[in-house]
Amino acid sequence: MTIAGGHKVSLRRAALDDRPRVYAWLVDSDLTPAMMGQPLYPDHPPPSYERFCEDYAPHFFEGSRPFAGRGFIVQAGGVDIGFLAHRRVDLLH
């Protein structure tokens, strides 16, 4: 289900099934050096999938703790092209 969108780009809530693909985008894409630092290999290997899952717990993908963080899949023309997320939301500040 699309939650926000324009003529070209839209967002949908990420699902747990999206987590492996989001990990692949992080460690094996054109943006990997920018996200993970250069040189990436061998001095800075990407995190393991297990480590990624620790950082991006299920609630980022299933919505069970919306104030702790939530992930969204970015779509262009109905095609998934990226991921964005927010961390903890502090309602008092």
C-alpha atoms as a PDB file:
ATOM      1  CA  MET A   1       0.000   0.000   0.000  1.00  0.00           C
ATOM      2  CA  THR A   2       1.423   3.367  -0.998  1.00  0.00           C
ATOM      3  CA  ILE A   3       1.421   5.861   1.880  1.00  0.00           C
ATOM      4  CA  ALA A   4       2.800   8.947   0.140  1.00  0.00           C
ATOM      5  CA  GLY A   5       3.417   9.710  -3.447  1.00  0.00           C
ATOM      6  CA  GLY A   6       3.766  12.175  -6.203  1.00  0.00           C
ATOM      7  CA  HIS A   7       3.817  11.910  -9.946  1.00  0.00           C
ATOM      8  CA  LYS A   8       7.176  10.129 -10.023  1.00  0.00           C
ATOM      9  CA  VAL A   9       8.129   8.901  -6.558  1.00  0.00           C
ATOM     10  CA  SER A  10       6.141   7.218  -3.809  1.00  0.00           C
ATOM     11  CA  LEU A  11       6.749   5.539  -0.453  1.00  0.00           C
ATOM     12  CA  ARG A  12       5.363   2.330   0.907  1.00  0.00           C
ATOM     13  CA  ARG A  13       5.828   0.807   4.327  1.00  0.00           C
ATOM     14  CA  ALA A  14       8.659  -1.706   4.307  1.00  0.00           C
ATOM     15  CA  ALA A  15       7.779  -5.316   5.105  1.00  0.00           C
ATOM     16  CA  LEU A  16       9.971  -7.947   6.736  1.00  0.00           C
ATOM     17  CA  ASP A  17      10.335  -9.612   3.320  1.00  0.00           C
ATOM     18  CA  ASP A  18      12.120  -6.435   2.143  1.00  0.00           C
ATOM     19  CA  ARG A  19      14.958  -6.730   4.668  1.00  0.00           C
ATOM     20  CA  PRO A  20      17.289  -8.969   2.580  1.00  0.00           C
ATOM     21  CA  ARG A  21      16.973  -6.645  -0.412  1.00  0.00           C
ATOM     22  CA  VAL A  22      17.579  -3.547   1.717  1.00  0.00           C
ATOM     23  CA  TYR A  23      20.734  -5.230   3.040  1.00  0.00           C
ATOM     24  CA  ALA A  24      21.849  -5.984  -0.520  1.00  0.00           C
ATOM     25  CA  TRP A  25      21.298  -2.353  -1.479  1.00  0.00           C
ATOM     26  CA  LEU A  26      23.471  -1.287   1.446  1.00  0.00           C
ATOM     27  CA  VAL A  27      26.412  -3.582   0.776  1.00  0.00           C
ATOM     28  CA  ASP A  28      26.348  -3.994  -3.002  1.00  0.00           C
ATOM     29  CA  SER A  29      25.256  -0.830  -4.780  1.00  0.00           C
ATOM     30  CA  ASP A  30      26.653   2.368  -6.249  1.00  0.00           C
ATOM     31  CA  LEU A  31      25.991   4.009  -2.878  1.00  0.00           C
ATOM     32  CA  THR A  32      27.889   1.444  -0.816  1.00  0.00           C
ATOM     33  CA  PRO A  33      31.156   3.429  -0.656  1.00  0.00           C
ATOM     34  CA  ALA A  34      29.278   6.559   0.428  1.00  0.00           C
ATOM     35  CA  MET A  35      27.240   4.683   3.033  1.00  0.00           C
ATOM     36  CA  MET A  36      29.996   2.406   4.306  1.00  0.00           C
ATOM     37  CA  GLY A  37      33.122   4.531   3.732  1.00  0.00           C
ATOM     38  CA  GLN A  38      36.073   4.153   1.386  1.00  0.00           C
ATOM     39  CA  PRO A  39      38.044   2.099   0.934  1.00  0.00           C
ATOM     40  CA  LEU A  40      35.321  -0.428   1.536  1.00  0.00           C
ATOM     41  CA  TYR A  41      37.377  -3.569   1.071  1.00  0.00           C
ATOM     42  CA  PRO A  42      39.401  -5.024   2.791  1.00  0.00           C
ATOM     43  CA  ASP A  43      39.875  -2.411   5.520  1.00  0.00           C
ATOM     44  CA  HIS A  44      36.169  -1.728   6.013  1.00  0.00           C
ATOM     45  CA  PRO A  45      34.158  -4.813   5.151  1.00  0.00           C
ATOM     46  CA  PRO A  46      30.388  -4.376   5.062  1.00  0.00           C
ATOM     47  CA  PRO A  47      28.420  -5.545   8.068  1.00  0.00           C
ATOM     48  CA  SER A  48      27.191  -9.101   8.056  1.00  0.00           C
ATOM     49  CA  TYR A  49      23.517  -9.697   7.447  1.00  0.00           C
ATOM     50  CA  GLU A  50      23.198 -10.662  11.113  1.00  0.00           C
ATOM     51  CA  ARG A  51      24.729  -7.339  12.209  1.00  0.00           C
ATOM     52  CA  PHE A  52      22.453  -5.457   9.806  1.00  0.00           C
ATOM     53  CA  CYS A  53      19.442  -7.250  11.335  1.00  0.00           C
ATOM     54  CA  GLU A  54      20.583  -6.139  14.795  1.00  0.00           C
ATOM     55  CA  ASP A  55      20.713  -2.519  13.612  1.00  0.00           C
ATOM     56  CA  TYR A  56      17.469  -2.783  11.652  1.00  0.00           C
ATOM     57  CA  ALA A  57      15.328  -4.895  13.935  1.00  0.00           C
ATOM     58  CA  PRO A  58      12.017  -6.337  12.767  1.00  0.00           C
ATOM     59  CA  HIS A  59      10.054  -3.282  13.962  1.00  0.00           C
ATOM     60  CA  PHE A  60      11.630  -1.241  11.132  1.00  0.00           C
ATOM     61  CA  PHE A  61       9.910  -3.572   8.689  1.00  0.00           C
ATOM     62  CA  GLU A  62       6.741  -4.688  10.446  1.00  0.00           C
ATOM     63  CA  GLY A  63       5.664  -1.497  12.195  1.00  0.00           C
ATOM     64  CA  SER A  64       5.240  -3.064  15.628  1.00  0.00           C
ATOM     65  CA  ARG A  65       7.074  -0.174  17.383  1.00  0.00           C
ATOM     66  CA  PRO A  66       6.424   2.924  15.244  1.00  0.00           C
ATOM     67  CA  PHE A  67       8.017   5.375  17.714  1.00  0.00           C
ATOM     68  CA  ALA A  68      11.198   3.252  17.884  1.00  0.00           C
ATOM     69  CA  GLY A  69      11.746   3.475  14.129  1.00  0.00           C
ATOM     70  CA  ARG A  70      10.182   2.585  10.807  1.00  0.00           C
ATOM     71  CA  GLY A  71      11.409   1.814   7.320  1.00  0.00           C
ATOM     72  CA  PHE A  72       9.931   2.753   3.972  1.00  0.00           C
ATOM     73  CA  ILE A  73      10.599   1.560   0.459  1.00  0.00           C
ATOM     74  CA  VAL A  74      11.043   4.304  -2.116  1.00  0.00           C
ATOM     75  CA  GLN A  75       9.349   3.554  -5.430  1.00  0.00           C
ATOM     76  CA  ALA A  76       9.601   5.213  -8.824  1.00  0.00           C
ATOM     77  CA  GLY A  77       7.015   4.229 -11.358  1.00  0.00           C
ATOM     78  CA  GLY A  78       5.957   1.345  -9.108  1.00  0.00           C
ATOM     79  CA  VAL A  79       9.503  -0.061  -9.001  1.00  0.00           C
ATOM     80  CA  ASP A  80      11.338  -0.347  -5.682  1.00  0.00           C
ATOM     81  CA  ILE A  81      14.466   1.785  -5.887  1.00  0.00           C
ATOM     82  CA  GLY A  82      15.562   2.505  -2.341  1.00  0.00           C
ATOM     83  CA  PHE A  83      15.007   2.518   1.383  1.00  0.00           C
ATOM     84  CA  LEU A  84      14.734   5.192   4.018  1.00  0.00           C
ATOM     85  CA  ALA A  85      14.104   4.936   7.715  1.00  0.00           C
ATOM     86  CA  HIS A  86      13.714   7.000  10.824  1.00  0.00           C
ATOM     87  CA  ARG A  87      14.940   6.075  14.253  1.00  0.00           C
ATOM     88  CA  ARG A  88      13.343   6.857  17.604  1.00  0.00           C
ATOM     89  CA  VAL A  89      10.741   9.620  17.691  1.00  0.00           C
ATOM     90  CA  ASP A  90      10.801  11.670  20.867  1.00  0.00           C
ATOM     91  CA  LEU A  91       7.408  13.312  21.309  1.00  0.00           C
ATOM     92  CA  LEU A  92       8.597  15.474  24.208  1.00  0.00           C
ATOM     93  CA  HIS A  93      11.183  17.468  22.233  1.00  0.00           C
END
